[in-house]
Amino acid sequence: MESILTNIVDVKNPLVSIIMNCYNSDQFLKEAINSIYDQTYSNWEIIFWDNASTDDSSSIAQEYDHKLHYFCTNETSTLGAARNLAVQKASGKYVAFLDCDDIYLSDKLTQQVLLMESERCALSYGSAIVINEFSEHIDENKVSDKCGNLLKPLLLHYEINMQSVMIRASIIEKENLFFDDLLKFSPDYDLFMRFAINHKICSISNYLVKYRKTPGSLTNNSLDLIGLEVEITLNKLKNNKDFPDELRLDLDKALRIAYFYKSLSCINKGDYKAARKLAIKGVLVKKKIFFFYLLLWLPVKRQWLIKLIVG
């Protein structure tokens, strides 16, 4: 398949502000920052927001030149709040993000600026290589080339990797599309779903980033994340007057799927009572979930049967 970037030839050079929110991330920090300095695209700045780190993150960040703007707070805040503070310091036409243990591939910014300038989209994202704490390739988050209103596909199959995102900065302030500072774990999911309601989004099949998954990272607790905050976001969308009526059935389905994953999380913790309550909420998604709910009551090897049903 021909890349979405193949026919783009009009190269411009707008400033890109790269947001790095850091809390005690000194182990991989140099590698992350160096991956920005190694970009083929040169017109960028780093907004480095130190969320009251107590390790060597501060001294490492301040070793770099004037292209890295260092800010720090005396008290830690939620991830959403910290990102909002950093975004408000940005001067770029576009805003991108990099966590302090992840890595940009060398042409990440070049590819996305080309796409954003050509397609005039509000947000873009791409494929990601998943690595472990030893920088070994362990998985991939592969997406396809597409542009348009992606609200429905993202509702039913959310695939945006935060590190691969680039946003048109003017939209953030004009439409008050900031991160929800009450969300501790998935403010990115909440923001990008709100972006998807009214804005053109593009995805690139090319790999843009290396995304580190470690035993202590939030990404290893995906079921818990879904259980904690995805339901909040979906209910916010349900009450959003701009949410299209023709997608409300899909939104209901996404909510029930969220309940299903929350049930799985409860099962993993051995909390079958909570799992039963959540499964009741998700029972209308499809027959598989109904049978899953029934199995919670049976004195059998639940894990084996769940795998059989869910596939």
Protein backbone atom coordinates (compact mmCIF):
# COMPACT_ATOMS: atom_id res chain seq x y z
CA MET A 1 0.00 0.00 0.00
CA GLU A 2 1.31 3.45 -0.95
CA SER A 3 2.17 5.61 2.04
CA ILE A 4 -0.06 8.54 2.88
CA LEU A 5 3.10 10.71 2.65
CA THR A 6 4.14 9.65 -0.86
CA ASN A 7 2.70 12.59 -2.78
CA ILE A 8 3.48 15.33 -0.26
CA VAL A 9 6.17 17.63 -1.65
CA ASP A 10 5.46 21.05 -0.12
CA VAL A 11 7.94 21.25 2.73
CA LYS A 12 7.52 24.04 5.27
CA ASN A 13 9.37 24.60 8.51
CA PRO A 14 6.98 25.49 11.36
CA LEU A 15 8.11 25.29 14.97
CA VAL A 16 7.19 22.10 16.84
CA SER A 17 6.96 22.22 20.65
CA ILE A 18 7.73 18.85 22.22
CA ILE A 19 6.24 18.35 25.68
CA MET A 20 8.25 16.21 28.07
CA ASN A 21 6.62 15.64 31.47
CA CYS A 22 9.04 14.07 33.89
CA TYR A 23 8.81 12.54 37.34
CA ASN A 24 11.84 10.56 38.55
CA SER A 25 12.75 9.31 35.08
CA ASP A 26 16.51 9.60 35.04
CA GLN A 27 17.17 6.00 33.91
CA PHE A 28 16.22 6.53 30.25
CA LEU A 29 16.06 10.32 30.12
CA LYS A 30 19.23 10.99 28.12
CA GLU A 31 18.21 8.48 25.47
CA ALA A 32 14.79 10.13 25.17
CA ILE A 33 16.13 13.69 24.88
CA ASN A 34 18.89 12.63 22.49
CA SER A 35 16.30 11.12 20.17
CA ILE A 36 14.84 14.62 19.74
CA TYR A 37 18.24 16.18 19.09
CA ASP A 38 18.84 13.47 16.47
CA GLN A 39 15.74 14.39 14.44
CA THR A 40 16.07 15.11 10.72
CA TYR A 41 13.68 18.02 11.34
CA SER A 42 15.47 20.91 13.03
CA ASN A 43 12.87 23.54 14.01
CA TRP A 44 11.72 22.34 17.40
CA GLU A 45 11.82 23.24 21.07
CA ILE A 46 11.48 21.04 24.15
CA ILE A 47 9.19 22.13 26.96
CA PHE A 48 10.57 20.04 29.82
CA TRP A 49 8.23 19.97 32.81
CA ASP A 50 9.80 18.46 35.93
CA ASN A 51 6.97 17.32 38.20
CA ALA A 52 8.95 17.63 41.46
CA SER A 53 11.43 14.84 40.70
CA THR A 54 13.78 13.74 43.48
CA ASP A 55 16.30 11.83 41.32
CA ASP A 56 18.83 13.15 38.77
CA SER A 57 16.22 14.11 36.14
CA SER A 58 16.66 17.83 36.80
CA SER A 59 20.44 17.87 36.41
CA ILE A 60 20.30 15.71 33.28
CA ALA A 61 17.74 17.96 31.58
CA GLN A 62 19.67 21.11 32.38
CA GLU A 63 22.80 19.77 30.66
CA TYR A 64 21.25 20.56 27.27
CA ASP A 65 21.29 23.79 25.26
CA HIS A 66 18.77 26.60 24.77
CA LYS A 67 16.40 24.43 22.71
CA LEU A 68 15.36 22.71 25.91
CA HIS A 69 13.28 24.97 28.16
CA TYR A 70 13.32 23.64 31.71
CA PHE A 71 10.43 24.21 34.17
CA CYS A 72 9.84 22.61 37.55
CA THR A 73 7.25 22.51 40.32
CA ASN A 74 7.66 21.99 44.04
CA GLU A 75 4.72 19.61 44.29
CA THR A 76 3.64 16.74 42.08
CA SER A 77 0.39 17.10 40.16
CA THR A 78 -1.70 14.76 38.04
CA LEU A 79 -0.41 13.87 34.59
CA GLY A 80 -3.19 15.87 32.93
CA ALA A 81 -2.47 18.98 35.01
CA ALA A 82 1.28 18.75 34.36
CA ARG A 83 0.75 18.42 30.62
CA ASN A 84 -1.57 21.43 30.58
CA LEU A 85 1.02 23.57 32.36
CA ALA A 86 3.66 22.52 29.86
CA VAL A 87 1.41 23.06 26.82
CA GLN A 88 0.76 26.63 27.93
CA LYS A 89 4.51 27.32 27.73
CA ALA A 90 4.71 26.09 24.13
CA SER A 91 5.38 28.49 21.24
CA GLY A 92 5.07 26.10 18.31
CA LYS A 93 2.49 25.80 15.56
CA TYR A 94 2.36 22.13 16.49
CA VAL A 95 2.61 20.33 19.82
CA ALA A 96 4.08 16.83 20.19
CA PHE A 97 4.72 14.66 23.23
CA LEU A 98 7.49 12.39 24.48
CA ASP A 99 7.58 10.60 27.81
CA CYS A 100 10.98 10.43 29.45
CA ASP A 101 11.54 6.72 28.85
CA ASP A 102 10.45 6.60 25.19
CA ILE A 103 12.26 7.33 21.91
CA TYR A 104 11.51 9.23 18.70
CA LEU A 105 12.63 7.58 15.48
CA SER A 106 14.82 9.99 13.53
CA ASP A 107 12.26 11.21 10.95
CA LYS A 108 9.25 11.33 13.27
CA LEU A 109 8.86 15.10 13.20
CA THR A 110 9.63 15.41 9.48
CA GLN A 111 6.91 12.94 8.55
CA GLN A 112 4.28 14.48 10.77
CA VAL A 113 4.93 18.11 9.85
CA LEU A 114 4.61 17.13 6.18
CA LEU A 115 1.31 15.43 6.91
CA MET A 116 -0.10 18.19 9.12
CA GLU A 117 0.80 20.89 6.58
CA SER A 118 -0.61 18.95 3.63
CA GLU A 119 -3.80 17.54 5.13
CA ARG A 120 -4.46 20.43 7.53
CA CYS A 121 -5.60 17.94 10.13
CA ALA A 122 -6.06 18.77 13.82
CA LEU A 123 -4.19 15.73 15.09
CA SER A 124 -2.00 12.99 13.69
CA TYR A 125 -0.47 9.81 15.06
CA GLY A 126 1.45 6.81 13.79
CA SER A 127 2.67 3.30 14.42
CA ALA A 128 4.86 2.47 17.41
CA ILE A 129 7.47 -0.16 18.22
CA VAL A 130 7.13 -1.50 21.77
CA ILE A 131 10.37 -2.13 23.64
CA ASN A 132 11.19 -3.35 27.14
CA GLU A 133 13.52 -2.01 29.81
CA PHE A 134 16.45 -3.56 27.93
CA SER A 135 15.44 -1.78 24.69
CA GLU A 136 14.46 -5.12 23.15
CA HIS A 137 11.69 -5.16 20.54
CA ILE A 138 8.77 -7.01 22.16
CA ASP A 139 5.67 -5.87 20.25
CA GLU A 140 4.24 -3.39 17.76
CA ASN A 141 1.30 -1.01 17.67
CA LYS A 142 0.64 -0.91 13.92
CA VAL A 143 -1.93 1.48 12.48
CA SER A 144 -3.08 2.09 8.91
CA ASP A 145 -2.96 5.20 6.72
CA LYS A 146 -6.21 7.13 7.02
CA CYS A 147 -7.57 10.67 7.30
CA GLY A 148 -10.96 12.05 8.19
CA ASN A 149 -13.45 11.81 11.03
CA LEU A 150 -12.13 8.84 12.99
CA LEU A 151 -14.52 9.07 15.93
CA LYS A 152 -16.34 5.80 15.25
CA PRO A 153 -13.26 3.61 14.66
CA LEU A 154 -11.51 5.12 17.70
CA LEU A 155 -14.57 4.50 19.86
CA LEU A 156 -14.58 0.81 19.05
CA HIS A 157 -10.84 0.28 18.67
CA TYR A 158 -8.69 2.94 20.31
CA GLU A 159 -5.21 2.78 18.81
CA ILE A 160 -3.52 6.14 19.45
CA ASN A 161 -0.07 5.95 21.00
CA MET A 162 0.54 9.15 22.96
CA GLN A 163 4.20 9.45 21.99
CA SER A 164 3.33 9.41 18.28
CA VAL A 165 0.83 12.29 18.50
CA MET A 166 1.14 15.76 17.00
CA ILE A 167 -1.57 18.40 17.57
CA ARG A 168 -2.31 21.74 15.89
CA ALA A 169 -1.68 24.14 18.77
CA SER A 170 -4.20 26.81 17.74
CA ILE A 171 -7.08 24.42 18.32
CA ILE A 172 -6.07 23.65 21.91
CA GLU A 173 -6.65 27.16 23.25
CA LYS A 174 -9.32 28.27 20.78
CA GLU A 175 -11.61 25.36 21.70
CA ASN A 176 -10.35 24.79 25.25
CA LEU A 177 -9.22 21.30 24.34
CA PHE A 178 -6.86 20.77 27.25
CA PHE A 179 -6.20 17.61 29.22
CA ASP A 180 -8.60 16.83 32.05
CA ASP A 181 -6.43 17.57 35.07
CA LEU A 182 -8.48 15.28 37.31
CA LEU A 183 -7.45 12.19 35.35
CA LYS A 184 -4.36 10.48 36.73
CA PHE A 185 -3.80 7.68 34.24
CA SER A 186 -5.37 8.32 30.82
CA PRO A 187 -5.86 12.05 30.18
CA ASP A 188 -4.59 11.48 26.63
CA TYR A 189 -7.46 9.10 25.80
CA ASP A 190 -9.96 11.61 27.13
CA LEU A 191 -8.49 14.54 25.15
CA PHE A 192 -8.06 12.71 21.85
CA MET A 193 -11.61 11.36 21.92
CA ARG A 194 -12.86 14.92 22.40
CA PHE A 195 -10.68 16.01 19.47
CA ALA A 196 -12.24 13.29 17.34
CA ILE A 197 -15.79 14.65 17.71
CA ASN A 198 -15.37 17.64 15.42
CA HIS A 199 -11.90 17.44 13.88
CA LYS A 200 -10.04 15.76 11.07
CA ILE A 201 -7.50 13.22 12.33
CA CYS A 202 -4.84 11.42 10.29
CA SER A 203 -2.83 8.31 11.07
CA ILE A 204 0.45 7.21 9.48
CA SER A 205 1.29 3.55 9.04
CA ASN A 206 5.02 4.31 9.30
CA TYR A 207 6.72 3.71 12.64
CA LEU A 208 7.36 7.00 14.43
CA VAL A 209 8.37 6.06 17.98
CA LYS A 210 9.70 3.40 20.31
CA TYR A 211 7.40 3.05 23.26
CA ARG A 212 8.91 1.52 26.40
CA LYS A 213 6.89 -0.99 28.39
CA THR A 214 8.44 -1.92 31.74
CA PRO A 215 7.23 -4.03 34.69
CA GLY A 216 6.46 -0.87 36.68
CA SER A 217 4.86 1.17 33.90
CA LEU A 218 1.19 2.08 33.73
CA THR A 219 0.95 0.38 30.36
CA ASN A 220 1.32 -3.02 31.99
CA ASN A 221 -1.93 -2.44 33.87
CA SER A 222 -4.15 -1.81 30.84
CA LEU A 223 -7.21 -3.53 32.31
CA ASP A 224 -6.98 -1.34 35.40
CA LEU A 225 -6.62 1.78 33.28
CA ILE A 226 -9.75 0.92 31.34
CA GLY A 227 -11.55 0.27 34.60
CA LEU A 228 -10.43 3.51 36.23
CA GLU A 229 -10.96 6.22 33.66
CA VAL A 230 -12.23 5.09 30.26
CA GLU A 231 -15.75 4.83 31.65
CA ILE A 232 -15.49 8.44 32.88
CA THR A 233 -14.44 9.65 29.44
CA LEU A 234 -17.17 7.73 27.61
CA ASN A 235 -19.82 9.11 29.94
CA LYS A 236 -18.49 12.62 29.30
CA LEU A 237 -18.85 11.99 25.57
CA LYS A 238 -22.38 10.75 26.14
CA ASN A 239 -23.28 14.08 27.75
CA ASN A 240 -21.47 16.17 25.13
CA LYS A 241 -24.03 18.06 23.03
CA ASP A 242 -21.68 17.96 20.02
CA PHE A 243 -21.49 14.18 19.99
CA PRO A 244 -23.19 12.96 16.78
CA ASP A 245 -26.53 11.22 17.32
CA GLU A 246 -25.77 8.61 14.67
CA LEU A 247 -22.87 7.30 16.78
CA ARG A 248 -24.67 7.02 20.12
CA LEU A 249 -25.28 3.29 19.68
CA ASP A 250 -21.56 2.85 19.07
CA LEU A 251 -20.86 4.90 22.20
CA ASP A 252 -23.15 2.64 24.23
CA LYS A 253 -21.32 -0.37 22.84
CA ALA A 254 -17.96 1.16 23.79
CA LEU A 255 -19.26 1.72 27.34
CA ARG A 256 -20.35 -1.88 27.67
CA ILE A 257 -17.03 -3.12 26.34
CA ALA A 258 -15.36 -0.98 29.00
CA TYR A 259 -17.47 -2.68 31.66
CA PHE A 260 -16.41 -6.03 30.25
CA TYR A 261 -12.71 -5.22 30.57
CA LYS A 262 -13.28 -3.88 34.06
CA SER A 263 -14.85 -7.25 34.88
CA LEU A 264 -11.74 -9.02 33.62
CA SER A 265 -9.61 -6.77 35.80
CA CYS A 266 -11.69 -7.70 38.85
CA ILE A 267 -11.35 -11.39 38.02
CA ASN A 268 -7.57 -11.04 37.83
CA LYS A 269 -7.70 -9.63 41.36
CA GLY A 270 -10.06 -12.36 42.59
CA ASP A 271 -12.91 -9.90 43.20
CA TYR A 272 -15.73 -11.94 41.63
CA LYS A 273 -18.52 -9.99 43.31
CA ALA A 274 -17.42 -6.75 41.64
CA ALA A 275 -16.88 -8.62 38.37
CA ARG A 276 -20.48 -9.86 38.39
CA LYS A 277 -21.84 -6.34 38.92
CA LEU A 278 -19.78 -4.97 36.05
CA ALA A 279 -20.65 -7.85 33.75
CA ILE A 280 -24.35 -7.06 34.24
CA LYS A 281 -23.70 -3.57 32.86
CA GLY A 282 -21.98 -5.02 29.82
CA VAL A 283 -24.41 -7.83 29.19
CA LEU A 284 -26.06 -6.23 26.17
CA VAL A 285 -22.96 -5.88 24.01
CA LYS A 286 -23.21 -9.33 22.52
CA LYS A 287 -24.05 -12.87 23.48
CA LYS A 288 -20.46 -13.68 24.35
CA ILE A 289 -20.56 -11.23 27.24
CA PHE A 290 -23.86 -12.68 28.45
CA PHE A 291 -22.28 -16.12 28.65
CA PHE A 292 -19.23 -14.60 30.30
CA TYR A 293 -21.53 -13.14 32.95
CA LEU A 294 -23.14 -16.54 33.57
CA LEU A 295 -19.78 -18.21 33.98
CA LEU A 296 -18.94 -15.92 36.86
CA TRP A 297 -21.52 -17.83 38.88
CA LEU A 298 -20.26 -21.31 38.00
CA PRO A 299 -17.87 -23.27 40.25
CA VAL A 300 -15.52 -24.13 37.37
CA LYS A 301 -12.12 -23.12 36.08
CA ARG A 302 -13.15 -19.62 35.09
CA GLN A 303 -9.94 -18.49 33.42
CA TRP A 304 -9.93 -21.39 30.97
CA LEU A 305 -13.57 -20.83 30.04
CA ILE A 306 -13.15 -17.08 29.70
CA LYS A 307 -10.29 -17.58 27.27
CA LEU A 308 -12.45 -20.02 25.34
CA ILE A 309 -15.33 -17.54 25.06
CA VAL A 310 -13.46 -14.31 24.50
CA GLY A 311 -10.99 -15.88 22.09
